[in-house]
Amino acid sequence: MYDAIRQELVDWENREDHPRYVAQMVVKMVEKPYPKILFYNGSTIEFMSADEQGQKILSWSGDMAVIDEAGKLSELGVDLDELLVNLGSRLRGQVGGRKRLGKLIVMGTADAGSKTPTSAAS
């Protein structure tokens, strides 16, 4: 996802010759220890892997977290329930005098061969 945003939204490599509107708001893009986009207003978008940087979630805090491909986490040995509890606790409180947004988005892709609850009951 980081690569797609970097290329399509910001086009970081060509920002001088062909600037995009969003690129004007980006101050810096770093790739290590994990990809991060820093904006002029202090906001960041951080990209972490639940299996590789899962423990770092416990020291991270933010307004919003997105879990992509949630259905595949068990294949990686990641307990989705535990991840949700840990992330949920990282999205509360205040920063700079304002309440955090507290948004947690979980996305997955349905397996074409899986049964839906409606078809399983038939």
PDB file of N, CA and C in Angstrom:
ATOM      1  N   MET A   1       0.814  -1.179   0.000  1.00  0.00           N
ATOM      2  CA  MET A   1       0.000   0.000   0.000  1.00  0.00           C
ATOM      3  C   MET A   1       0.874   1.266   0.000  1.00  0.00           C
ATOM      4  N   TYR A   2       1.952   1.237   0.748  1.00  0.00           N
ATOM      5  CA  TYR A   2       2.856   2.389   0.795  1.00  0.00           C
ATOM      6  C   TYR A   2       3.385   2.711  -0.606  1.00  0.00           C
ATOM      7  N   ASP A   3       3.797   1.683  -1.331  1.00  0.00           N
ATOM      8  CA  ASP A   3       4.340   1.902  -2.681  1.00  0.00           C
ATOM      9  C   ASP A   3       3.298   2.535  -3.601  1.00  0.00           C
ATOM     10  N   ALA A   4       2.052   2.084  -3.492  1.00  0.00           N
ATOM     11  CA  ALA A   4       0.990   2.636  -4.338  1.00  0.00           C
ATOM     12  C   ALA A   4       0.731   4.103  -4.006  1.00  0.00           C
ATOM     13  N   ILE A   5       0.683   4.433  -2.728  1.00  0.00           N
ATOM     14  CA  ILE A   5       0.462   5.827  -2.331  1.00  0.00           C
ATOM     15  C   ILE A   5       1.635   6.689  -2.760  1.00  0.00           C
ATOM     16  N   ARG A   6       2.818   6.159  -2.534  1.00  0.00           N
ATOM     17  CA  ARG A   6       4.028   6.905  -2.889  1.00  0.00           C
ATOM     18  C   ARG A   6       4.059   7.233  -4.383  1.00  0.00           C
ATOM     19  N   GLN A   7       3.688   6.277  -5.192  1.00  0.00           N
ATOM     20  CA  GLN A   7       3.756   6.474  -6.641  1.00  0.00           C
ATOM     21  C   GLN A   7       2.562   7.245  -7.186  1.00  0.00           C
ATOM     22  N   GLU A   8       1.366   6.807  -6.868  1.00  0.00           N
ATOM     23  CA  GLU A   8       0.180   7.381  -7.498  1.00  0.00           C
ATOM     24  C   GLU A   8      -0.272   8.695  -6.878  1.00  0.00           C
ATOM     25  N   LEU A   9      -0.235   8.792  -5.587  1.00  0.00           N
ATOM     26  CA  LEU A   9      -0.738   9.986  -4.932  1.00  0.00           C
ATOM     27  C   LEU A   9       0.291  11.106  -4.890  1.00  0.00           C
ATOM     28  N   VAL A  10       1.522  10.752  -4.562  1.00  0.00           N
ATOM     29  CA  VAL A  10       2.555  11.764  -4.366  1.00  0.00           C
ATOM     30  C   VAL A  10       3.528  11.821  -5.533  1.00  0.00           C
ATOM     31  N   ASP A  11       3.828  10.690  -6.166  1.00  0.00           N
ATOM     32  CA  ASP A  11       4.829  10.602  -7.238  1.00  0.00           C
ATOM     33  C   ASP A  11       6.125  11.264  -6.775  1.00  0.00           C
ATOM     34  N   TRP A  12       6.646  10.749  -5.677  1.00  0.00           N
ATOM     35  CA  TRP A  12       7.772  11.352  -4.965  1.00  0.00           C
ATOM     36  C   TRP A  12       9.007  11.544  -5.846  1.00  0.00           C
ATOM     37  N   GLU A  13       9.298  10.592  -6.713  1.00  0.00           N
ATOM     38  CA  GLU A  13      10.497  10.689  -7.549  1.00  0.00           C
ATOM     39  C   GLU A  13      10.428  11.866  -8.525  1.00  0.00           C
ATOM     40  N   ASN A  14       9.243  12.225  -8.980  1.00  0.00           N
ATOM     41  CA  ASN A  14       9.081  13.283  -9.978  1.00  0.00           C
ATOM     42  C   ASN A  14       8.477  14.559  -9.407  1.00  0.00           C
ATOM     43  N   ARG A  15       8.548  14.736  -8.096  1.00  0.00           N
ATOM     44  CA  ARG A  15       7.877  15.868  -7.449  1.00  0.00           C
ATOM     45  C   ARG A  15       8.412  17.224  -7.878  1.00  0.00           C
ATOM     46  N   GLU A  16       9.664  17.299  -8.289  1.00  0.00           N
ATOM     47  CA  GLU A  16      10.226  18.591  -8.699  1.00  0.00           C
ATOM     48  C   GLU A  16       9.755  18.979 -10.099  1.00  0.00           C
ATOM     49  N   ASP A  17       9.791  18.019 -11.040  1.00  0.00           N
ATOM     50  CA  ASP A  17       9.421  18.308 -12.428  1.00  0.00           C
ATOM     51  C   ASP A  17       7.911  18.321 -12.658  1.00  0.00           C
ATOM     52  N   HIS A  18       7.199  17.426 -11.987  1.00  0.00           N
ATOM     53  CA  HIS A  18       5.745  17.292 -12.167  1.00  0.00           C
ATOM     54  C   HIS A  18       5.072  17.208 -10.800  1.00  0.00           C
ATOM     55  N   PRO A  19       5.021  18.315 -10.084  1.00  0.00           N
ATOM     56  CA  PRO A  19       4.454  18.270  -8.730  1.00  0.00           C
ATOM     57  C   PRO A  19       2.957  17.998  -8.741  1.00  0.00           C
ATOM     58  N   ARG A  20       2.520  17.195  -7.807  1.00  0.00           N
ATOM     59  CA  ARG A  20       1.102  16.950  -7.605  1.00  0.00           C
ATOM     60  C   ARG A  20       0.681  17.728  -6.369  1.00  0.00           C
ATOM     61  N   TYR A  21      -0.582  18.064  -6.316  1.00  0.00           N
ATOM     62  CA  TYR A  21      -1.082  18.893  -5.225  1.00  0.00           C
ATOM     63  C   TYR A  21      -0.707  18.310  -3.858  1.00  0.00           C
ATOM     64  N   VAL A  22      -0.921  17.016  -3.669  1.00  0.00           N
ATOM     65  CA  VAL A  22      -0.634  16.383  -2.379  1.00  0.00           C
ATOM     66  C   VAL A  22       0.851  16.433  -2.070  1.00  0.00           C
ATOM     67  N   ALA A  23       1.698  16.345  -3.085  1.00  0.00           N
ATOM     68  CA  ALA A  23       3.145  16.371  -2.870  1.00  0.00           C
ATOM     69  C   ALA A  23       3.583  17.656  -2.189  1.00  0.00           C
ATOM     70  N   GLN A  24       2.855  18.736  -2.384  1.00  0.00           N
ATOM     71  CA  GLN A  24       3.185  20.008  -1.745  1.00  0.00           C
ATOM     72  C   GLN A  24       3.001  19.929  -0.229  1.00  0.00           C
ATOM     73  N   MET A  25       2.165  19.014   0.217  1.00  0.00           N
ATOM     74  CA  MET A  25       1.888  18.874   1.645  1.00  0.00           C
ATOM     75  C   MET A  25       2.842  17.905   2.333  1.00  0.00           C
ATOM     76  N   VAL A  26       3.573  17.118   1.548  1.00  0.00           N
ATOM     77  CA  VAL A  26       4.475  16.118   2.097  1.00  0.00           C
ATOM     78  C   VAL A  26       5.833  16.744   2.378  1.00  0.00           C
ATOM     79  N   VAL A  27       6.298  16.568   3.612  1.00  0.00           N
ATOM     80  CA  VAL A  27       7.596  17.089   4.009  1.00  0.00           C
ATOM     81  C   VAL A  27       8.682  16.051   3.777  1.00  0.00           C
ATOM     82  N   LYS A  28       8.363  14.805   4.098  1.00  0.00           N
ATOM     83  CA  LYS A  28       9.378  13.757   4.040  1.00  0.00           C
ATOM     84  C   LYS A  28       8.716  12.391   3.925  1.00  0.00           C
ATOM     85  N   MET A  29       9.400  11.487   3.258  1.00  0.00           N
ATOM     86  CA  MET A  29       8.972  10.092   3.183  1.00  0.00           C
ATOM     87  C   MET A  29      10.151   9.236   3.618  1.00  0.00           C
ATOM     88  N   VAL A  30       9.930   8.400   4.607  1.00  0.00           N
ATOM     89  CA  VAL A  30      10.992   7.516   5.089  1.00  0.00           C
ATOM     90  C   VAL A  30      10.553   6.077   4.907  1.00  0.00           C
ATOM     91  N   GLU A  31      11.512   5.187   4.807  1.00  0.00           N
ATOM     92  CA  GLU A  31      11.187   3.785   4.587  1.00  0.00           C
ATOM     93  C   GLU A  31      11.617   2.876   5.725  1.00  0.00           C
ATOM     94  N   LYS A  32      12.484   3.353   6.621  1.00  0.00           N
ATOM     95  CA  LYS A  32      12.956   2.503   7.710  1.00  0.00           C
ATOM     96  C   LYS A  32      12.818   3.231   9.032  1.00  0.00           C
ATOM     97  N   PRO A  33      12.463   2.589  10.095  1.00  0.00           N
ATOM     98  CA  PRO A  33      12.297   1.154  10.291  1.00  0.00           C
ATOM     99  C   PRO A  33      11.019   0.613   9.659  1.00  0.00           C
ATOM    100  N   TYR A  34      10.055   1.497   9.351  1.00  0.00           N
ATOM    101  CA  TYR A  34       8.876   1.130   8.581  1.00  0.00           C
ATOM    102  C   TYR A  34       8.466   2.366   7.786  1.00  0.00           C
ATOM    103  N   PRO A  35       7.790   2.186   6.661  1.00  0.00           N
ATOM    104  CA  PRO A  35       7.435   3.328   5.817  1.00  0.00           C
ATOM    105  C   PRO A  35       6.554   4.339   6.554  1.00  0.00           C
ATOM    106  N   LYS A  36       6.847   5.616   6.310  1.00  0.00           N
ATOM    107  CA  LYS A  36       6.106   6.692   6.956  1.00  0.00           C
ATOM    108  C   LYS A  36       6.108   7.912   6.035  1.00  0.00           C
ATOM    109  N   ILE A  37       4.961   8.573   5.944  1.00  0.00           N
ATOM    110  CA  ILE A  37       4.832   9.817   5.195  1.00  0.00           C
ATOM    111  C   ILE A  37       4.564  10.921   6.216  1.00  0.00           C
ATOM    112  N   LEU A  38       5.389  11.967   6.210  1.00  0.00           N
ATOM    113  CA  LEU A  38       5.237  13.087   7.135  1.00  0.00           C
ATOM    114  C   LEU A  38       4.713  14.297   6.384  1.00  0.00           C
ATOM    115  N   PHE A  39       3.679  14.940   6.923  1.00  0.00           N
ATOM    116  CA  PHE A  39       3.046  16.089   6.296  1.00  0.00           C
ATOM    117  C   PHE A  39       3.442  17.378   7.004  1.00  0.00           C
ATOM    118  N   TYR A  40       3.282  18.505   6.316  1.00  0.00           N
ATOM    119  CA  TYR A  40       3.710  19.812   6.829  1.00  0.00           C
ATOM    120  C   TYR A  40       3.033  20.185   8.142  1.00  0.00           C
ATOM    121  N   ASN A  41       1.823  19.681   8.406  1.00  0.00           N
ATOM    122  CA  ASN A  41       1.094  20.039   9.621  1.00  0.00           C
ATOM    123  C   ASN A  41       1.411  19.124  10.803  1.00  0.00           C
ATOM    124  N   GLY A  42       2.376  18.216  10.616  1.00  0.00           N
ATOM    125  CA  GLY A  42       2.762  17.303  11.684  1.00  0.00           C
ATOM    126  C   GLY A  42       2.074  15.953  11.624  1.00  0.00           C
ATOM    127  N   SER A  43       1.088  15.799  10.753  1.00  0.00           N
ATOM    128  CA  SER A  43       0.409  14.515  10.602  1.00  0.00           C
ATOM    129  C   SER A  43       1.328  13.504   9.930  1.00  0.00           C
ATOM    130  N   THR A  44       1.079  12.235  10.190  1.00  0.00           N
ATOM    131  CA  THR A  44       1.839  11.168   9.539  1.00  0.00           C
ATOM    132  C   THR A  44       0.900  10.052   9.107  1.00  0.00           C
ATOM    133  N   ILE A  45       1.336   9.326   8.112  1.00  0.00           N
ATOM    134  CA  ILE A  45       0.728   8.053   7.756  1.00  0.00           C
ATOM    135  C   ILE A  45       1.843   7.031   7.921  1.00  0.00           C
ATOM    136  N   GLU A  46       1.613   6.041   8.768  1.00  0.00           N
ATOM    137  CA  GLU A  46       2.626   5.038   9.061  1.00  0.00           C
ATOM    138  C   GLU A  46       2.124   3.668   8.608  1.00  0.00           C
ATOM    139  N   PHE A  47       3.007   2.902   7.998  1.00  0.00           N
ATOM    140  CA  PHE A  47       2.659   1.592   7.464  1.00  0.00           C
ATOM    141  C   PHE A  47       3.441   0.533   8.233  1.00  0.00           C
ATOM    142  N   MET A  48       2.715  -0.350   8.919  1.00  0.00           N
ATOM    143  CA  MET A  48       3.367  -1.405   9.693  1.00  0.00           C
ATOM    144  C   MET A  48       2.767  -2.746   9.319  1.00  0.00           C
ATOM    145  N   SER A  49       3.552  -3.768   9.477  1.00  0.00           N
ATOM    146  CA  SER A  49       3.100  -5.124   9.249  1.00  0.00           C
ATOM    147  C   SER A  49       2.718  -5.732  10.596  1.00  0.00           C
ATOM    148  N   ALA A  50       1.541  -6.325  10.672  1.00  0.00           N
ATOM    149  CA  ALA A  50       1.083  -6.904  11.942  1.00  0.00           C
ATOM    150  C   ALA A  50       1.981  -8.052  12.393  1.00  0.00           C
ATOM    151  N   ASP A  51       2.561  -8.787  11.456  1.00  0.00           N
ATOM    152  CA  ASP A  51       3.428  -9.893  11.873  1.00  0.00           C
ATOM    153  C   ASP A  51       4.853  -9.427  12.145  1.00  0.00           C
ATOM    154  N   GLU A  52       5.348  -8.440  11.391  1.00  0.00           N
ATOM    155  CA  GLU A  52       6.731  -8.001  11.562  1.00  0.00           C
ATOM    156  C   GLU A  52       6.877  -6.924  12.640  1.00  0.00           C
ATOM    157  N   GLN A  53       5.949  -5.982  12.700  1.00  0.00           N
ATOM    158  CA  GLN A  53       6.037  -4.905  13.686  1.00  0.00           C
ATOM    159  C   GLN A  53       4.903  -4.969  14.703  1.00  0.00           C
ATOM    160  N   GLY A  54       4.325  -6.143  14.893  1.00  0.00           N
ATOM    161  CA  GLY A  54       3.186  -6.301  15.788  1.00  0.00           C
ATOM    162  C   GLY A  54       3.430  -5.820  17.197  1.00  0.00           C
ATOM    163  N   GLN A  55       4.613  -6.036  17.733  1.00  0.00           N
ATOM    164  CA  GLN A  55       4.912  -5.594  19.093  1.00  0.00           C
ATOM    165  C   GLN A  55       5.026  -4.079  19.184  1.00  0.00           C
ATOM    166  N   LYS A  56       5.386  -3.420  18.079  1.00  0.00           N
ATOM    167  CA  LYS A  56       5.510  -1.964  18.089  1.00  0.00           C
ATOM    168  C   LYS A  56       4.153  -1.285  18.245  1.00  0.00           C
ATOM    169  N   ILE A  57       3.084  -2.016  17.954  1.00  0.00           N
ATOM    170  CA  ILE A  57       1.740  -1.460  18.100  1.00  0.00           C
ATOM    171  C   ILE A  57       1.503  -1.047  19.550  1.00  0.00           C
ATOM    172  N   LEU A  58       2.097  -1.764  20.488  1.00  0.00           N
ATOM    173  CA  LEU A  58       1.873  -1.477  21.899  1.00  0.00           C
ATOM    174  C   LEU A  58       2.458  -0.146  22.328  1.00  0.00           C
ATOM    175  N   SER A  59       3.403   0.403  21.577  1.00  0.00           N
ATOM    176  CA  SER A  59       3.965   1.710  21.912  1.00  0.00           C
ATOM    177  C   SER A  59       3.513   2.798  20.934  1.00  0.00           C
ATOM    178  N   TRP A  60       2.716   2.431  19.949  1.00  0.00           N
ATOM    179  CA  TRP A  60       2.221   3.367  18.946  1.00  0.00           C
ATOM    180  C   TRP A  60       0.907   3.976  19.432  1.00  0.00           C
ATOM    181  N   SER A  61       0.595   5.188  19.012  1.00  0.00           N
ATOM    182  CA  SER A  61      -0.721   5.769  19.260  1.00  0.00           C
ATOM    183  C   SER A  61      -1.085   6.639  18.064  1.00  0.00           C
ATOM    184  N   GLY A  62      -2.384   6.782  17.818  1.00  0.00           N
ATOM    185  CA  GLY A  62      -2.813   7.572  16.675  1.00  0.00           C
ATOM    186  C   GLY A  62      -4.307   7.781  16.659  1.00  0.00           C
ATOM    187  N   ASP A  63      -4.780   8.424  15.607  1.00  0.00           N
ATOM    188  CA  ASP A  63      -6.200   8.713  15.446  1.00  0.00           C
ATOM    189  C   ASP A  63      -6.953   7.594  14.733  1.00  0.00           C
ATOM    190  N   MET A  64      -6.267   6.909  13.831  1.00  0.00           N
ATOM    191  CA  MET A  64      -6.932   5.906  13.011  1.00  0.00           C
ATOM    192  C   MET A  64      -5.968   4.776  12.685  1.00  0.00           C
ATOM    193  N   ALA A  65      -6.497   3.567  12.628  1.00  0.00           N
ATOM    194  CA  ALA A  65      -5.703   2.414  12.197  1.00  0.00           C
ATOM    195  C   ALA A  65      -6.532   1.619  11.192  1.00  0.00           C
ATOM    196  N   VAL A  66      -5.861   1.098  10.189  1.00  0.00           N
ATOM    197  CA  VAL A  66      -6.513   0.286   9.168  1.00  0.00           C
ATOM    198  C   VAL A  66      -5.821  -1.069   9.139  1.00  0.00           C
ATOM    199  N   ILE A  67      -6.599  -2.121   9.281  1.00  0.00           N
ATOM    200  CA  ILE A  67      -6.066  -3.476   9.146  1.00  0.00           C
ATOM    201  C   ILE A  67      -6.528  -3.985   7.794  1.00  0.00           C
ATOM    202  N   ASP A  68      -5.590  -4.162   6.894  1.00  0.00           N
ATOM    203  CA  ASP A  68      -5.890  -4.635   5.549  1.00  0.00           C
ATOM    204  C   ASP A  68      -5.641  -6.137   5.496  1.00  0.00           C
ATOM    205  N   GLU A  69      -6.438  -6.841   4.706  1.00  0.00           N
ATOM    206  CA  GLU A  69      -6.315  -8.299   4.554  1.00  0.00           C
ATOM    207  C   GLU A  69      -6.418  -8.999   5.902  1.00  0.00           C
ATOM    208  N   ALA A  70      -7.381  -8.597   6.708  1.00  0.00           N
ATOM    209  CA  ALA A  70      -7.560  -9.154   8.053  1.00  0.00           C
ATOM    210  C   ALA A  70      -7.789 -10.669   8.022  1.00  0.00           C
ATOM    211  N   GLY A  71      -8.414 -11.166   6.984  1.00  0.00           N
ATOM    212  CA  GLY A  71      -8.689 -12.596   6.885  1.00  0.00           C
ATOM    213  C   GLY A  71      -7.442 -13.449   6.746  1.00  0.00           C
ATOM    214  N   LYS A  72      -6.338 -12.858   6.351  1.00  0.00           N
ATOM    215  CA  LYS A  72      -5.096 -13.611   6.149  1.00  0.00           C
ATOM    216  C   LYS A  72      -4.179 -13.593   7.371  1.00  0.00           C
ATOM    217  N   LEU A  73      -4.541 -12.848   8.411  1.00  0.00           N
ATOM    218  CA  LEU A  73      -3.659 -12.712   9.563  1.00  0.00           C
ATOM    219  C   LEU A  73      -3.426 -14.034  10.288  1.00  0.00           C
ATOM    220  N   SER A  74      -4.464 -14.880  10.366  1.00  0.00           N
ATOM    221  CA  SER A  74      -4.278 -16.155  11.073  1.00  0.00           C
ATOM    222  C   SER A  74      -3.249 -17.039  10.374  1.00  0.00           C
ATOM    223  N   GLU A  75      -3.136 -16.920   9.048  1.00  0.00           N
ATOM    224  CA  GLU A  75      -2.119 -17.674   8.305  1.00  0.00           C
ATOM    225  C   GLU A  75      -0.711 -17.260   8.721  1.00  0.00           C
ATOM    226  N   LEU A  76      -0.573 -16.021   9.186  1.00  0.00           N
ATOM    227  CA  LEU A  76       0.722 -15.488   9.611  1.00  0.00           C
ATOM    228  C   LEU A  76       0.967 -15.694  11.096  1.00  0.00           C
ATOM    229  N   GLY A  77       0.001 -16.335  11.766  1.00  0.00           N
ATOM    230  CA  GLY A  77       0.143 -16.568  13.195  1.00  0.00           C
ATOM    231  C   GLY A  77      -0.234 -15.358  14.037  1.00  0.00           C
ATOM    232  N   VAL A  78      -0.991 -14.428  13.449  1.00  0.00           N
ATOM    233  CA  VAL A  78      -1.410 -13.224  14.165  1.00  0.00           C
ATOM    234  C   VAL A  78      -2.836 -13.425  14.663  1.00  0.00           C
ATOM    235  N   ASP A  79      -3.060 -13.229  15.955  1.00  0.00           N
ATOM    236  CA  ASP A  79      -4.376 -13.356  16.565  1.00  0.00           C
ATOM    237  C   ASP A  79      -5.132 -12.050  16.353  1.00  0.00           C
ATOM    238  N   LEU A  80      -6.143 -12.070  15.482  1.00  0.00           N
ATOM    239  CA  LEU A  80      -6.883 -10.856  15.138  1.00  0.00           C
ATOM    240  C   LEU A  80      -7.566 -10.259  16.364  1.00  0.00           C
ATOM    241  N   ASP A  81      -8.130 -11.092  17.227  1.00  0.00           N
ATOM    242  CA  ASP A  81      -8.800 -10.571  18.419  1.00  0.00           C
ATOM    243  C   ASP A  81      -7.829  -9.793  19.300  1.00  0.00           C
ATOM    244  N   GLU A  82      -6.654 -10.351  19.511  1.00  0.00           N
ATOM    245  CA  GLU A  82      -5.646  -9.674  20.332  1.00  0.00           C
ATOM    246  C   GLU A  82      -5.189  -8.376  19.660  1.00  0.00           C
ATOM    247  N   LEU A  83      -5.016  -8.415  18.349  1.00  0.00           N
ATOM    248  CA  LEU A  83      -4.612  -7.224  17.604  1.00  0.00           C
ATOM    249  C   LEU A  83      -5.655  -6.118  17.730  1.00  0.00           C
ATOM    250  N   LEU A  84      -6.937  -6.471  17.641  1.00  0.00           N
ATOM    251  CA  LEU A  84      -8.005  -5.487  17.759  1.00  0.00           C
ATOM    252  C   LEU A  84      -8.022  -4.838  19.141  1.00  0.00           C
ATOM    253  N   VAL A  85      -7.831  -5.649  20.182  1.00  0.00           N
ATOM    254  CA  VAL A  85      -7.791  -5.115  21.547  1.00  0.00           C
ATOM    255  C   VAL A  85      -6.603  -4.166  21.700  1.00  0.00           C
ATOM    256  N   ASN A  86      -5.434  -4.600  21.231  1.00  0.00           N
ATOM    257  CA  ASN A  86      -4.233  -3.764  21.354  1.00  0.00           C
ATOM    258  C   ASN A  86      -4.360  -2.465  20.567  1.00  0.00           C
ATOM    259  N   LEU A  87      -4.873  -2.549  19.340  1.00  0.00           N
ATOM    260  CA  LEU A  87      -5.026  -1.338  18.537  1.00  0.00           C
ATOM    261  C   LEU A  87      -6.096  -0.420  19.104  1.00  0.00           C
ATOM    262  N   GLY A  88      -7.192  -0.998  19.570  1.00  0.00           N
ATOM    263  CA  GLY A  88      -8.271  -0.190  20.126  1.00  0.00           C
ATOM    264  C   GLY A  88      -7.808   0.674  21.279  1.00  0.00           C
ATOM    265  N   SER A  89      -6.910   0.137  22.085  1.00  0.00           N
ATOM    266  CA  SER A  89      -6.409   0.902  23.228  1.00  0.00           C
ATOM    267  C   SER A  89      -5.431   1.997  22.799  1.00  0.00           C
ATOM    268  N   ARG A  90      -4.926   1.921  21.595  1.00  0.00           N
ATOM    269  CA  ARG A  90      -3.972   2.912  21.085  1.00  0.00           C
ATOM    270  C   ARG A  90      -4.666   4.098  20.420  1.00  0.00           C
ATOM    271  N   LEU A  91      -5.980   4.032  20.260  1.00  0.00           N
ATOM    272  CA  LEU A  91      -6.730   5.042  19.516  1.00  0.00           C
ATOM    273  C   LEU A  91      -7.564   5.946  20.415  1.00  0.00           C
ATOM    274  N   ARG A  92      -7.289   5.954  21.693  1.00  0.00           N
ATOM    275  CA  ARG A  92      -8.084   6.774  22.605  1.00  0.00           C
ATOM    276  C   ARG A  92      -7.209   7.790  23.310  1.00  0.00           C
ATOM    277  N   GLY A  93      -7.857   8.679  24.029  1.00  0.00           N
ATOM    278  CA  GLY A  93      -7.118   9.708  24.746  1.00  0.00           C
ATOM    279  C   GLY A  93      -7.120  11.020  23.989  1.00  0.00           C
ATOM    280  N   GLN A  94      -6.167  11.866  24.312  1.00  0.00           N
ATOM    281  CA  GLN A  94      -6.077  13.181  23.694  1.00  0.00           C
ATOM    282  C   GLN A  94      -4.661  13.431  23.188  1.00  0.00           C
ATOM    283  N   VAL A  95      -4.584  14.309  22.213  1.00  0.00           N
ATOM    284  CA  VAL A  95      -3.293  14.772  21.711  1.00  0.00           C
ATOM    285  C   VAL A  95      -3.435  16.262  21.424  1.00  0.00           C
ATOM    286  N   GLY A  96      -2.565  17.044  21.976  1.00  0.00           N
ATOM    287  CA  GLY A  96      -2.608  18.487  21.763  1.00  0.00           C
ATOM    288  C   GLY A  96      -3.921  19.127  22.177  1.00  0.00           C
ATOM    289  N   GLY A  97      -4.575  18.600  23.216  1.00  0.00           N
ATOM    290  CA  GLY A  97      -5.824  19.167  23.708  1.00  0.00           C
ATOM    291  C   GLY A  97      -7.081  18.725  22.981  1.00  0.00           C
ATOM    292  N   ARG A  98      -6.951  17.902  21.968  1.00  0.00           N
ATOM    293  CA  ARG A  98      -8.139  17.413  21.268  1.00  0.00           C
ATOM    294  C   ARG A  98      -8.258  15.899  21.421  1.00  0.00           C
ATOM    295  N   LYS A  99      -9.485  15.412  21.397  1.00  0.00           N
ATOM    296  CA  LYS A  99      -9.706  13.969  21.497  1.00  0.00           C
ATOM    297  C   LYS A  99      -9.269  13.291  20.205  1.00  0.00           C
ATOM    298  N   ARG A 100      -8.720  12.106  20.330  1.00  0.00           N
ATOM    299  CA  ARG A 100      -8.364  11.317  19.145  1.00  0.00           C
ATOM    300  C   ARG A 100      -9.637  10.896  18.417  1.00  0.00           C
ATOM    301  N   LEU A 101      -9.516  10.665  17.117  1.00  0.00           N
ATOM    302  CA  LEU A 101     -10.669  10.237  16.326  1.00  0.00           C
ATOM    303  C   LEU A 101     -11.148   8.845  16.731  1.00  0.00           C
ATOM    304  N   GLY A 102     -10.224   7.964  17.070  1.00  0.00           N
ATOM    305  CA  GLY A 102     -10.589   6.628  17.541  1.00  0.00           C
ATOM    306  C   GLY A 102     -11.211   5.740  16.484  1.00  0.00           C
ATOM    307  N   LYS A 103     -10.716   5.796  15.259  1.00  0.00           N
ATOM    308  CA  LYS A 103     -11.275   4.982  14.174  1.00  0.00           C
ATOM    309  C   LYS A 103     -10.414   3.751  13.930  1.00  0.00           C
ATOM    310  N   LEU A 104     -11.066   2.613  13.875  1.00  0.00           N
ATOM    311  CA  LEU A 104     -10.399   1.355  13.579  1.00  0.00           C
ATOM    312  C   LEU A 104     -11.143   0.711  12.418  1.00  0.00           C
ATOM    313  N   ILE A 105     -10.458   0.550  11.307  1.00  0.00           N
ATOM    314  CA  ILE A 105     -11.058  -0.012  10.101  1.00  0.00           C
ATOM    315  C   ILE A 105     -10.434  -1.378   9.846  1.00  0.00           C
ATOM    316  N   VAL A 106     -11.284  -2.385   9.697  1.00  0.00           N
ATOM    317  CA  VAL A 106     -10.819  -3.747   9.425  1.00  0.00           C
ATOM    318  C   VAL A 106     -11.347  -4.140   8.057  1.00  0.00           C
ATOM    319  N   MET A 107     -10.423  -4.457   7.140  1.00  0.00           N
ATOM    320  CA  MET A 107     -10.810  -4.820   5.781  1.00  0.00           C
ATOM    321  C   MET A 107     -10.355  -6.243   5.485  1.00  0.00           C
ATOM    322  N   GLY A 108     -11.141  -6.928   4.701  1.00  0.00           N
ATOM    323  CA  GLY A 108     -10.787  -8.272   4.272  1.00  0.00           C
ATOM    324  C   GLY A 108     -11.390  -8.546   2.916  1.00  0.00           C
ATOM    325  N   THR A 109     -10.906  -9.578   2.294  1.00  0.00           N
ATOM    326  CA  THR A 109     -11.419  -9.977   0.993  1.00  0.00           C
ATOM    327  C   THR A 109     -12.114 -11.312   1.155  1.00  0.00           C
ATOM    328  N   ALA A 110     -13.337 -11.385   0.695  1.00  0.00           N
ATOM    329  CA  ALA A 110     -14.093 -12.627   0.801  1.00  0.00           C
ATOM    330  C   ALA A 110     -13.476 -13.680  -0.104  1.00  0.00           C
ATOM    331  N   ASP A 111     -13.360 -14.878   0.417  1.00  0.00           N
ATOM    332  CA  ASP A 111     -12.867 -16.011  -0.364  1.00  0.00           C
ATOM    333  C   ASP A 111     -14.026 -16.516  -1.217  1.00  0.00           C
ATOM    334  N   ALA A 112     -13.791 -16.651  -2.511  1.00  0.00           N
ATOM    335  CA  ALA A 112     -14.852 -17.068  -3.433  1.00  0.00           C
ATOM    336  C   ALA A 112     -15.433 -18.423  -3.060  1.00  0.00           C
ATOM    337  N   GLY A 113     -14.661 -19.267  -2.422  1.00  0.00           N
ATOM    338  CA  GLY A 113     -15.136 -20.602  -2.067  1.00  0.00           C
ATOM    339  C   GLY A 113     -15.788 -20.678  -0.707  1.00  0.00           C
ATOM    340  N   SER A 114     -15.787 -19.597   0.066  1.00  0.00           N
ATOM    341  CA  SER A 114     -16.353 -19.643   1.412  1.00  0.00           C
ATOM    342  C   SER A 114     -17.856 -19.490   1.358  1.00  0.00           C
ATOM    343  N   LYS A 115     -18.517 -20.048   2.384  1.00  0.00           N
ATOM    344  CA  LYS A 115     -19.963 -19.950   2.467  1.00  0.00           C
ATOM    345  C   LYS A 115     -20.344 -18.706   3.248  1.00  0.00           C
ATOM    346  N   THR A 116     -21.355 -18.026   2.776  1.00  0.00           N
ATOM    347  CA  THR A 116     -21.881 -16.892   3.513  1.00  0.00           C
ATOM    348  C   THR A 116     -22.819 -17.436   4.587  1.00  0.00           C
ATOM    349  N   PRO A 117     -23.128 -16.681   5.620  1.00  0.00           N
ATOM    350  CA  PRO A 117     -24.065 -17.167   6.640  1.00  0.00           C
ATOM    351  C   PRO A 117     -25.401 -17.573   6.051  1.00  0.00           C
ATOM    352  N   THR A 118     -25.869 -16.873   5.008  1.00  0.00           N
ATOM    353  CA  THR A 118     -27.157 -17.226   4.390  1.00  0.00           C
ATOM    354  C   THR A 118     -27.073 -18.568   3.698  1.00  0.00           C
ATOM    355  N   SER A 119     -25.999 -18.821   2.936  1.00  0.00           N
ATOM    356  CA  SER A 119     -25.905 -20.084   2.212  1.00  0.00           C
ATOM    357  C   SER A 119     -25.575 -21.242   3.139  1.00  0.00           C
ATOM    358  N   ALA A 120     -24.930 -20.963   4.265  1.00  0.00           N
ATOM    359  CA  ALA A 120     -24.592 -22.025   5.211  1.00  0.00           C
ATOM    360  C   ALA A 120     -25.841 -22.536   5.905  1.00  0.00           C
ATOM    361  N   ALA A 121     -26.860 -21.657   6.068  1.00  0.00           N
ATOM    362  CA  ALA A 121     -28.087 -22.054   6.752  1.00  0.00           C
ATOM    363  C   ALA A 121     -29.021 -22.826   5.836  1.00  0.00           C
ATOM    364  N   SER A 122     -28.852 -22.765   4.525  1.00  0.00           N
ATOM    365  CA  SER A 122     -29.774 -23.422   3.601  1.00  0.00           C
ATOM    366  C   SER A 122     -29.542 -24.903   3.538  1.00  0.00           C
TER     367      SER A 122
END
